[in-house]
Amino acid sequence: MTVESQHEPGESSAEGIITFNRMEHALRAEKFLKASGLNAQAVVPPHHLDTGCNLAVIFDLSRITEVERVLEYRHAEFTYIGAVSECRSNL
């Protein structure tokens, strides 16, 4: 799966992305989010977002507050969290 939208037409397609400095941080964050009942998937980030760890986590952007709470509660380390679309427009 890439960061590109996998939604059907008419569905909300806003995706959030979390980037990390280390692969194990990405995998732990994905595990924490899934354990909390949130839809999250580790993916290869777009080139312009690659921080060297070669993994990012995508999630439903409408649940960003919950995602942030889980990551904060679990003391998960990350470098960026926000909308995929905002990242693309900042090129």
PDB file of N, CA and C in Angstrom:
ATOM      1  N   MET A   1       0.845  -1.173   0.000  1.00  0.00           N
ATOM      2  CA  MET A   1       0.000   0.000   0.000  1.00  0.00           C
ATOM      3  C   MET A   1       0.890   1.236   0.000  1.00  0.00           C
ATOM      4  N   THR A   2       0.549   2.200  -0.779  1.00  0.00           N
ATOM      5  CA  THR A   2       1.279   3.461  -0.796  1.00  0.00           C
ATOM      6  C   THR A   2       0.503   4.482   0.011  1.00  0.00           C
ATOM      7  N   VAL A   3       1.012   5.679   0.093  1.00  0.00           N
ATOM      8  CA  VAL A   3       0.342   6.738   0.819  1.00  0.00           C
ATOM      9  C   VAL A   3      -0.843   7.277   0.024  1.00  0.00           C
ATOM     10  N   GLU A   4      -0.897   6.965  -1.256  1.00  0.00           N
ATOM     11  CA  GLU A   4      -2.022   7.414  -2.070  1.00  0.00           C
ATOM     12  C   GLU A   4      -3.318   6.870  -1.511  1.00  0.00           C
ATOM     13  N   SER A   5      -4.412   7.583  -1.703  1.00  0.00           N
ATOM     14  CA  SER A   5      -5.705   7.194  -1.163  1.00  0.00           C
ATOM     15  C   SER A   5      -6.178   5.861  -1.720  1.00  0.00           C
ATOM     16  N   GLN A   6      -6.723   5.041  -0.835  1.00  0.00           N
ATOM     17  CA  GLN A   6      -7.280   3.755  -1.220  1.00  0.00           C
ATOM     18  C   GLN A   6      -8.803   3.767  -1.077  1.00  0.00           C
ATOM     19  N   HIS A   7      -9.406   4.939  -0.997  1.00  0.00           N
ATOM     20  CA  HIS A   7     -10.841   5.064  -0.754  1.00  0.00           C
ATOM     21  C   HIS A   7     -11.626   5.072  -2.052  1.00  0.00           C
ATOM     22  N   GLU A   8     -12.883   4.666  -1.937  1.00  0.00           N
ATOM     23  CA  GLU A   8     -13.795   4.715  -3.073  1.00  0.00           C
ATOM     24  C   GLU A   8     -14.244   6.157  -3.283  1.00  0.00           C
ATOM     25  N   PRO A   9     -14.668   6.512  -4.519  1.00  0.00           N
ATOM     26  CA  PRO A   9     -15.191   7.861  -4.751  1.00  0.00           C
ATOM     27  C   PRO A   9     -16.362   8.147  -3.817  1.00  0.00           C
ATOM     28  N   GLY A  10     -16.386   9.355  -3.276  1.00  0.00           N
ATOM     29  CA  GLY A  10     -17.460   9.740  -2.377  1.00  0.00           C
ATOM     30  C   GLY A  10     -17.114   9.516  -0.910  1.00  0.00           C
ATOM     31  N   GLU A  11     -16.115   8.698  -0.620  1.00  0.00           N
ATOM     32  CA  GLU A  11     -15.683   8.466   0.753  1.00  0.00           C
ATOM     33  C   GLU A  11     -14.706   9.565   1.152  1.00  0.00           C
ATOM     34  N   SER A  12     -14.611   9.784   2.451  1.00  0.00           N
ATOM     35  CA  SER A  12     -13.590  10.703   2.948  1.00  0.00           C
ATOM     36  C   SER A  12     -12.230  10.089   2.661  1.00  0.00           C
ATOM     37  N   SER A  13     -11.353  10.858   2.038  1.00  0.00           N
ATOM     38  CA  SER A  13     -10.058  10.300   1.673  1.00  0.00           C
ATOM     39  C   SER A  13      -8.911  11.002   2.395  1.00  0.00           C
ATOM     40  N   ALA A  14      -9.232  11.765   3.435  1.00  0.00           N
ATOM     41  CA  ALA A  14      -8.180  12.481   4.145  1.00  0.00           C
ATOM     42  C   ALA A  14      -7.355  11.496   4.959  1.00  0.00           C
ATOM     43  N   GLU A  15      -6.092  11.407   4.619  1.00  0.00           N
ATOM     44  CA  GLU A  15      -5.184  10.519   5.332  1.00  0.00           C
ATOM     45  C   GLU A  15      -4.163  11.335   6.092  1.00  0.00           C
ATOM     46  N   GLY A  16      -3.845  10.839   7.260  1.00  0.00           N
ATOM     47  CA  GLY A  16      -2.784  11.429   8.039  1.00  0.00           C
ATOM     48  C   GLY A  16      -1.546  10.559   7.914  1.00  0.00           C
ATOM     49  N   ILE A  17      -0.415  11.140   8.219  1.00  0.00           N
ATOM     50  CA  ILE A  17       0.838  10.408   8.158  1.00  0.00           C
ATOM     51  C   ILE A  17       1.685  10.789   9.362  1.00  0.00           C
ATOM     52  N   ILE A  18       2.398   9.803   9.868  1.00  0.00           N
ATOM     53  CA  ILE A  18       3.330  10.004  10.966  1.00  0.00           C
ATOM     54  C   ILE A  18       4.687   9.521  10.465  1.00  0.00           C
ATOM     55  N   THR A  19       5.709  10.335  10.654  1.00  0.00           N
ATOM     56  CA  THR A  19       7.057   9.931  10.248  1.00  0.00           C
ATOM     57  C   THR A  19       7.920   9.739  11.491  1.00  0.00           C
ATOM     58  N   PHE A  20       8.995   8.994  11.312  1.00  0.00           N
ATOM     59  CA  PHE A  20       9.831   8.571  12.428  1.00  0.00           C
ATOM     60  C   PHE A  20      11.302   8.603  12.028  1.00  0.00           C
ATOM     61  N   ASN A  21      12.174   8.628  13.025  1.00  0.00           N
ATOM     62  CA  ASN A  21      13.610   8.533  12.783  1.00  0.00           C
ATOM     63  C   ASN A  21      14.109   7.100  12.775  1.00  0.00           C
ATOM     64  N   ARG A  22      13.351   6.210  13.392  1.00  0.00           N
ATOM     65  CA  ARG A  22      13.785   4.817  13.499  1.00  0.00           C
ATOM     66  C   ARG A  22      12.639   3.876  13.154  1.00  0.00           C
ATOM     67  N   MET A  23      12.971   2.787  12.468  1.00  0.00           N
ATOM     68  CA  MET A  23      11.973   1.809  12.057  1.00  0.00           C
ATOM     69  C   MET A  23      11.210   1.229  13.238  1.00  0.00           C
ATOM     70  N   GLU A  24      11.913   0.932  14.312  1.00  0.00           N
ATOM     71  CA  GLU A  24      11.231   0.342  15.466  1.00  0.00           C
ATOM     72  C   GLU A  24      10.210   1.298  16.080  1.00  0.00           C
ATOM     73  N   HIS A  25      10.441   2.609  15.978  1.00  0.00           N
ATOM     74  CA  HIS A  25       9.458   3.578  16.475  1.00  0.00           C
ATOM     75  C   HIS A  25       8.188   3.517  15.626  1.00  0.00           C
ATOM     76  N   ALA A  26       8.353   3.376  14.326  1.00  0.00           N
ATOM     77  CA  ALA A  26       7.197   3.280  13.432  1.00  0.00           C
ATOM     78  C   ALA A  26       6.392   2.017  13.725  1.00  0.00           C
ATOM     79  N   LEU A  27       7.084   0.910  13.891  1.00  0.00           N
ATOM     80  CA  LEU A  27       6.397  -0.359  14.139  1.00  0.00           C
ATOM     81  C   LEU A  27       5.696  -0.358  15.500  1.00  0.00           C
ATOM     82  N   ARG A  28       6.327   0.241  16.493  1.00  0.00           N
ATOM     83  CA  ARG A  28       5.699   0.339  17.815  1.00  0.00           C
ATOM     84  C   ARG A  28       4.469   1.233  17.758  1.00  0.00           C
ATOM     85  N   ALA A  29       4.563   2.358  17.074  1.00  0.00           N
ATOM     86  CA  ALA A  29       3.431   3.273  16.970  1.00  0.00           C
ATOM     87  C   ALA A  29       2.260   2.593  16.265  1.00  0.00           C
ATOM     88  N   GLU A  30       2.544   1.873  15.182  1.00  0.00           N
ATOM     89  CA  GLU A  30       1.483   1.148  14.477  1.00  0.00           C
ATOM     90  C   GLU A  30       0.815   0.156  15.435  1.00  0.00           C
ATOM     91  N   LYS A  31       1.603  -0.563  16.193  1.00  0.00           N
ATOM     92  CA  LYS A  31       1.079  -1.545  17.148  1.00  0.00           C
ATOM     93  C   LYS A  31       0.217  -0.860  18.213  1.00  0.00           C
ATOM     94  N   PHE A  32       0.683   0.247  18.764  1.00  0.00           N
ATOM     95  CA  PHE A  32      -0.071   0.982  19.785  1.00  0.00           C
ATOM     96  C   PHE A  32      -1.412   1.470  19.239  1.00  0.00           C
ATOM     97  N   LEU A  33      -1.396   2.014  18.024  1.00  0.00           N
ATOM     98  CA  LEU A  33      -2.624   2.548  17.434  1.00  0.00           C
ATOM     99  C   LEU A  33      -3.630   1.429  17.157  1.00  0.00           C
ATOM    100  N   LYS A  34      -3.162   0.335  16.589  1.00  0.00           N
ATOM    101  CA  LYS A  34      -4.054  -0.794  16.314  1.00  0.00           C
ATOM    102  C   LYS A  34      -4.622  -1.371  17.603  1.00  0.00           C
ATOM    103  N   ALA A  35      -3.805  -1.478  18.643  1.00  0.00           N
ATOM    104  CA  ALA A  35      -4.267  -2.001  19.927  1.00  0.00           C
ATOM    105  C   ALA A  35      -5.332  -1.096  20.550  1.00  0.00           C
ATOM    106  N   SER A  36      -5.322   0.171  20.164  1.00  0.00           N
ATOM    107  CA  SER A  36      -6.313   1.128  20.664  1.00  0.00           C
ATOM    108  C   SER A  36      -7.556   1.184  19.783  1.00  0.00           C
ATOM    109  N   GLY A  37      -7.614   0.314  18.786  1.00  0.00           N
ATOM    110  CA  GLY A  37      -8.784   0.258  17.913  1.00  0.00           C
ATOM    111  C   GLY A  37      -8.761   1.241  16.759  1.00  0.00           C
ATOM    112  N   LEU A  38      -7.617   1.831  16.503  1.00  0.00           N
ATOM    113  CA  LEU A  38      -7.494   2.789  15.404  1.00  0.00           C
ATOM    114  C   LEU A  38      -6.927   2.090  14.174  1.00  0.00           C
ATOM    115  N   ASN A  39      -7.363   2.529  13.017  1.00  0.00           N
ATOM    116  CA  ASN A  39      -6.863   1.987  11.756  1.00  0.00           C
ATOM    117  C   ASN A  39      -5.533   2.670  11.440  1.00  0.00           C
ATOM    118  N   ALA A  40      -4.476   1.900  11.401  1.00  0.00           N
ATOM    119  CA  ALA A  40      -3.142   2.431  11.116  1.00  0.00           C
ATOM    120  C   ALA A  40      -2.376   1.394  10.320  1.00  0.00           C
ATOM    121  N   GLN A  41      -1.530   1.881   9.417  1.00  0.00           N
ATOM    122  CA  GLN A  41      -0.731   0.950   8.617  1.00  0.00           C
ATOM    123  C   GLN A  41       0.640   1.527   8.335  1.00  0.00           C
ATOM    124  N   ALA A  42       1.652   0.715   8.592  1.00  0.00           N
ATOM    125  CA  ALA A  42       3.018   1.107   8.265  1.00  0.00           C
ATOM    126  C   ALA A  42       3.193   1.027   6.753  1.00  0.00           C
ATOM    127  N   VAL A  43       3.810   2.058   6.197  1.00  0.00           N
ATOM    128  CA  VAL A  43       4.023   2.145   4.753  1.00  0.00           C
ATOM    129  C   VAL A  43       5.402   2.748   4.486  1.00  0.00           C
ATOM    130  N   VAL A  44       5.851   2.599   3.280  1.00  0.00           N
ATOM    131  CA  VAL A  44       7.052   3.309   2.832  1.00  0.00           C
ATOM    132  C   VAL A  44       6.615   4.748   2.553  1.00  0.00           C
ATOM    133  N   PRO A  45       7.260   5.720   3.176  1.00  0.00           N
ATOM    134  CA  PRO A  45       6.820   7.106   2.985  1.00  0.00           C
ATOM    135  C   PRO A  45       7.220   7.639   1.615  1.00  0.00           C
ATOM    136  N   PRO A  46       6.510   8.681   1.173  1.00  0.00           N
ATOM    137  CA  PRO A  46       6.934   9.346  -0.058  1.00  0.00           C
ATOM    138  C   PRO A  46       8.364   9.870   0.125  1.00  0.00           C
ATOM    139  N   HIS A  47       9.090   9.949  -0.960  1.00  0.00           N
ATOM    140  CA  HIS A  47      10.505  10.348  -0.916  1.00  0.00           C
ATOM    141  C   HIS A  47      10.733  11.628  -0.121  1.00  0.00           C
ATOM    142  N   HIS A  48       9.888  12.628  -0.319  1.00  0.00           N
ATOM    143  CA  HIS A  48      10.096  13.919   0.343  1.00  0.00           C
ATOM    144  C   HIS A  48       9.825  13.868   1.846  1.00  0.00           C
ATOM    145  N   LEU A  49       9.246  12.785   2.347  1.00  0.00           N
ATOM    146  CA  LEU A  49       8.990  12.644   3.779  1.00  0.00           C
ATOM    147  C   LEU A  49       9.882  11.611   4.445  1.00  0.00           C
ATOM    148  N   ASP A  50      10.736  10.980   3.689  1.00  0.00           N
ATOM    149  CA  ASP A  50      11.590   9.932   4.245  1.00  0.00           C
ATOM    150  C   ASP A  50      12.632  10.554   5.166  1.00  0.00           C
ATOM    151  N   THR A  51      12.608  10.157   6.422  1.00  0.00           N
ATOM    152  CA  THR A  51      13.544  10.685   7.412  1.00  0.00           C
ATOM    153  C   THR A  51      14.712   9.737   7.643  1.00  0.00           C
ATOM    154  N   GLY A  52      14.812   8.717   6.797  1.00  0.00           N
ATOM    155  CA  GLY A  52      15.908   7.777   6.911  1.00  0.00           C
ATOM    156  C   GLY A  52      15.527   6.440   7.493  1.00  0.00           C
ATOM    157  N   CYS A  53      14.324   6.332   8.057  1.00  0.00           N
ATOM    158  CA  CYS A  53      13.945   5.049   8.653  1.00  0.00           C
ATOM    159  C   CYS A  53      13.159   4.185   7.670  1.00  0.00           C
ATOM    160  N   ASN A  54      12.743   4.747   6.566  1.00  0.00           N
ATOM    161  CA  ASN A  54      12.035   4.027   5.496  1.00  0.00           C
ATOM    162  C   ASN A  54      10.661   3.515   5.875  1.00  0.00           C
ATOM    163  N   LEU A  55      10.077   3.982   6.964  1.00  0.00           N
ATOM    164  CA  LEU A  55       8.710   3.634   7.331  1.00  0.00           C
ATOM    165  C   LEU A  55       7.983   4.859   7.851  1.00  0.00           C
ATOM    166  N   ALA A  56       6.697   4.904   7.569  1.00  0.00           N
ATOM    167  CA  ALA A  56       5.795   5.903   8.129  1.00  0.00           C
ATOM    168  C   ALA A  56       4.516   5.149   8.471  1.00  0.00           C
ATOM    169  N   VAL A  57       3.613   5.794   9.160  1.00  0.00           N
ATOM    170  CA  VAL A  57       2.320   5.188   9.480  1.00  0.00           C
ATOM    171  C   VAL A  57       1.234   6.110   8.951  1.00  0.00           C
ATOM    172  N   ILE A  58       0.295   5.530   8.205  1.00  0.00           N
ATOM    173  CA  ILE A  58      -0.850   6.311   7.749  1.00  0.00           C
ATOM    174  C   ILE A  58      -2.053   5.953   8.615  1.00  0.00           C
ATOM    175  N   PHE A  59      -2.973   6.917   8.721  1.00  0.00           N
ATOM    176  CA  PHE A  59      -4.159   6.749   9.554  1.00  0.00           C
ATOM    177  C   PHE A  59      -5.254   7.665   9.028  1.00  0.00           C
ATOM    178  N   ASP A  60      -6.463   7.477   9.535  1.00  0.00           N
ATOM    179  CA  ASP A  60      -7.609   8.305   9.160  1.00  0.00           C
ATOM    180  C   ASP A  60      -7.447   9.666   9.838  1.00  0.00           C
ATOM    181  N   LEU A  61      -7.266  10.704   9.052  1.00  0.00           N
ATOM    182  CA  LEU A  61      -6.985  12.038   9.584  1.00  0.00           C
ATOM    183  C   LEU A  61      -8.093  12.558  10.497  1.00  0.00           C
ATOM    184  N   SER A  62      -9.311  12.115  10.294  1.00  0.00           N
ATOM    185  CA  SER A  62     -10.410  12.579  11.153  1.00  0.00           C
ATOM    186  C   SER A  62     -10.234  12.111  12.598  1.00  0.00           C
ATOM    187  N   ARG A  63      -9.307  11.193  12.840  1.00  0.00           N
ATOM    188  CA  ARG A  63      -9.065  10.662  14.188  1.00  0.00           C
ATOM    189  C   ARG A  63      -7.714  11.118  14.746  1.00  0.00           C
ATOM    190  N   ILE A  64      -7.203  12.229  14.217  1.00  0.00           N
ATOM    191  CA  ILE A  64      -5.871  12.692  14.615  1.00  0.00           C
ATOM    192  C   ILE A  64      -5.763  12.969  16.118  1.00  0.00           C
ATOM    193  N   THR A  65      -6.819  13.491  16.730  1.00  0.00           N
ATOM    194  CA  THR A  65      -6.770  13.769  18.160  1.00  0.00           C
ATOM    195  C   THR A  65      -6.567  12.486  18.954  1.00  0.00           C
ATOM    196  N   GLU A  66      -7.286  11.434  18.570  1.00  0.00           N
ATOM    197  CA  GLU A  66      -7.131  10.141  19.245  1.00  0.00           C
ATOM    198  C   GLU A  66      -5.735   9.564  19.004  1.00  0.00           C
ATOM    199  N   VAL A  67      -5.258   9.693  17.781  1.00  0.00           N
ATOM    200  CA  VAL A  67      -3.923   9.199  17.436  1.00  0.00           C
ATOM    201  C   VAL A  67      -2.881   9.902  18.290  1.00  0.00           C
ATOM    202  N   GLU A  68      -2.973  11.210  18.381  1.00  0.00           N
ATOM    203  CA  GLU A  68      -2.013  11.981  19.187  1.00  0.00           C
ATOM    204  C   GLU A  68      -2.064  11.572  20.655  1.00  0.00           C
ATOM    205  N   ARG A  69      -3.273  11.351  21.171  1.00  0.00           N
ATOM    206  CA  ARG A  69      -3.411  10.927  22.574  1.00  0.00           C
ATOM    207  C   ARG A  69      -2.727   9.585  22.825  1.00  0.00           C
ATOM    208  N   VAL A  70      -2.956   8.635  21.923  1.00  0.00           N
ATOM    209  CA  VAL A  70      -2.338   7.310  22.079  1.00  0.00           C
ATOM    210  C   VAL A  70      -0.821   7.436  22.040  1.00  0.00           C
ATOM    211  N   LEU A  71      -0.307   8.171  21.064  1.00  0.00           N
ATOM    212  CA  LEU A  71       1.147   8.315  20.942  1.00  0.00           C
ATOM    213  C   LEU A  71       1.742   9.010  22.164  1.00  0.00           C
ATOM    214  N   GLU A  72       1.063  10.023  22.664  1.00  0.00           N
ATOM    215  CA  GLU A  72       1.550  10.723  23.854  1.00  0.00           C
ATOM    216  C   GLU A  72       1.507   9.801  25.069  1.00  0.00           C
ATOM    217  N   TYR A  73       0.407   9.094  25.254  1.00  0.00           N
ATOM    218  CA  TYR A  73       0.263   8.185  26.392  1.00  0.00           C
ATOM    219  C   TYR A  73       1.348   7.108  26.392  1.00  0.00           C
ATOM    220  N   ARG A  74       1.664   6.605  25.202  1.00  0.00           N
ATOM    221  CA  ARG A  74       2.646   5.527  25.073  1.00  0.00           C
ATOM    222  C   ARG A  74       4.078   6.058  24.917  1.00  0.00           C
ATOM    223  N   HIS A  75       4.243   7.379  24.973  1.00  0.00           N
ATOM    224  CA  HIS A  75       5.568   8.007  24.838  1.00  0.00           C
ATOM    225  C   HIS A  75       6.245   7.588  23.527  1.00  0.00           C
ATOM    226  N   ALA A  76       5.448   7.519  22.471  1.00  0.00           N
ATOM    227  CA  ALA A  76       5.963   7.129  21.154  1.00  0.00           C
ATOM    228  C   ALA A  76       6.707   8.307  20.532  1.00  0.00           C
ATOM    229  N   GLU A  77       7.871   8.010  19.990  1.00  0.00           N
ATOM    230  CA  GLU A  77       8.687   9.041  19.352  1.00  0.00           C
ATOM    231  C   GLU A  77       8.352   9.118  17.866  1.00  0.00           C
ATOM    232  N   PHE A  78       8.158  10.339  17.362  1.00  0.00           N
ATOM    233  CA  PHE A  78       7.911  10.555  15.940  1.00  0.00           C
ATOM    234  C   PHE A  78       8.438  11.921  15.558  1.00  0.00           C
ATOM    235  N   THR A  79       8.595  12.151  14.254  1.00  0.00           N
ATOM    236  CA  THR A  79       9.139  13.429  13.796  1.00  0.00           C
ATOM    237  C   THR A  79       8.081  14.363  13.225  1.00  0.00           C
ATOM    238  N   TYR A  80       6.980  13.798  12.714  1.00  0.00           N
ATOM    239  CA  TYR A  80       5.928  14.617  12.109  1.00  0.00           C
ATOM    240  C   TYR A  80       4.621  13.866  12.201  1.00  0.00           C
ATOM    241  N   ILE A  81       3.536  14.614  12.422  1.00  0.00           N
ATOM    242  CA  ILE A  81       2.191  14.056  12.315  1.00  0.00           C
ATOM    243  C   ILE A  81       1.314  15.122  11.684  1.00  0.00           C
ATOM    244  N   GLY A  82       0.554  14.746  10.676  1.00  0.00           N
ATOM    245  CA  GLY A  82      -0.322  15.681  10.001  1.00  0.00           C
ATOM    246  C   GLY A  82      -0.937  15.089   8.764  1.00  0.00           C
ATOM    247  N   ALA A  83      -1.521  15.936   7.962  1.00  0.00           N
ATOM    248  CA  ALA A  83      -2.215  15.491   6.740  1.00  0.00           C
ATOM    249  C   ALA A  83      -1.210  15.188   5.634  1.00  0.00           C
ATOM    250  N   VAL A  84      -1.456  14.108   4.934  1.00  0.00           N
ATOM    251  CA  VAL A  84      -0.634  13.778   3.779  1.00  0.00           C
ATOM    252  C   VAL A  84      -0.722  14.900   2.754  1.00  0.00           C
ATOM    253  N   SER A  85      -1.918  15.432   2.541  1.00  0.00           N
ATOM    254  CA  SER A  85      -2.096  16.483   1.538  1.00  0.00           C
ATOM    255  C   SER A  85      -1.297  17.736   1.869  1.00  0.00           C
ATOM    256  N   GLU A  86      -1.157  18.067   3.148  1.00  0.00           N
ATOM    257  CA  GLU A  86      -0.358  19.239   3.536  1.00  0.00           C
ATOM    258  C   GLU A  86       1.116  19.005   3.231  1.00  0.00           C
ATOM    259  N   CYS A  87       1.567  17.788   3.369  1.00  0.00           N
ATOM    260  CA  CYS A  87       2.962  17.465   3.068  1.00  0.00           C
ATOM    261  C   CYS A  87       3.236  17.654   1.577  1.00  0.00           C
ATOM    262  N   ARG A  88       2.307  17.227   0.764  1.00  0.00           N
ATOM    263  CA  ARG A  88       2.496  17.343  -0.686  1.00  0.00           C
ATOM    264  C   ARG A  88       2.516  18.799  -1.118  1.00  0.00           C
ATOM    265  N   SER A  89       1.698  19.653  -0.461  1.00  0.00           N
ATOM    266  CA  SER A  89       1.636  21.044  -0.891  1.00  0.00           C
ATOM    267  C   SER A  89       2.847  21.841  -0.420  1.00  0.00           C
ATOM    268  N   ASN A  90       3.633  21.291   0.493  1.00  0.00           N
ATOM    269  CA  ASN A  90       4.809  21.988   0.997  1.00  0.00           C
ATOM    270  C   ASN A  90       6.072  21.689   0.218  1.00  0.00           C
ATOM    271  N   LEU A  91       5.958  21.023  -0.914  1.00  0.00           N
ATOM    272  CA  LEU A  91       7.141  20.695  -1.716  1.00  0.00           C
ATOM    273  C   LEU A  91       7.722  21.927  -2.354  1.00  0.00           C
TER     274      LEU A  91
END
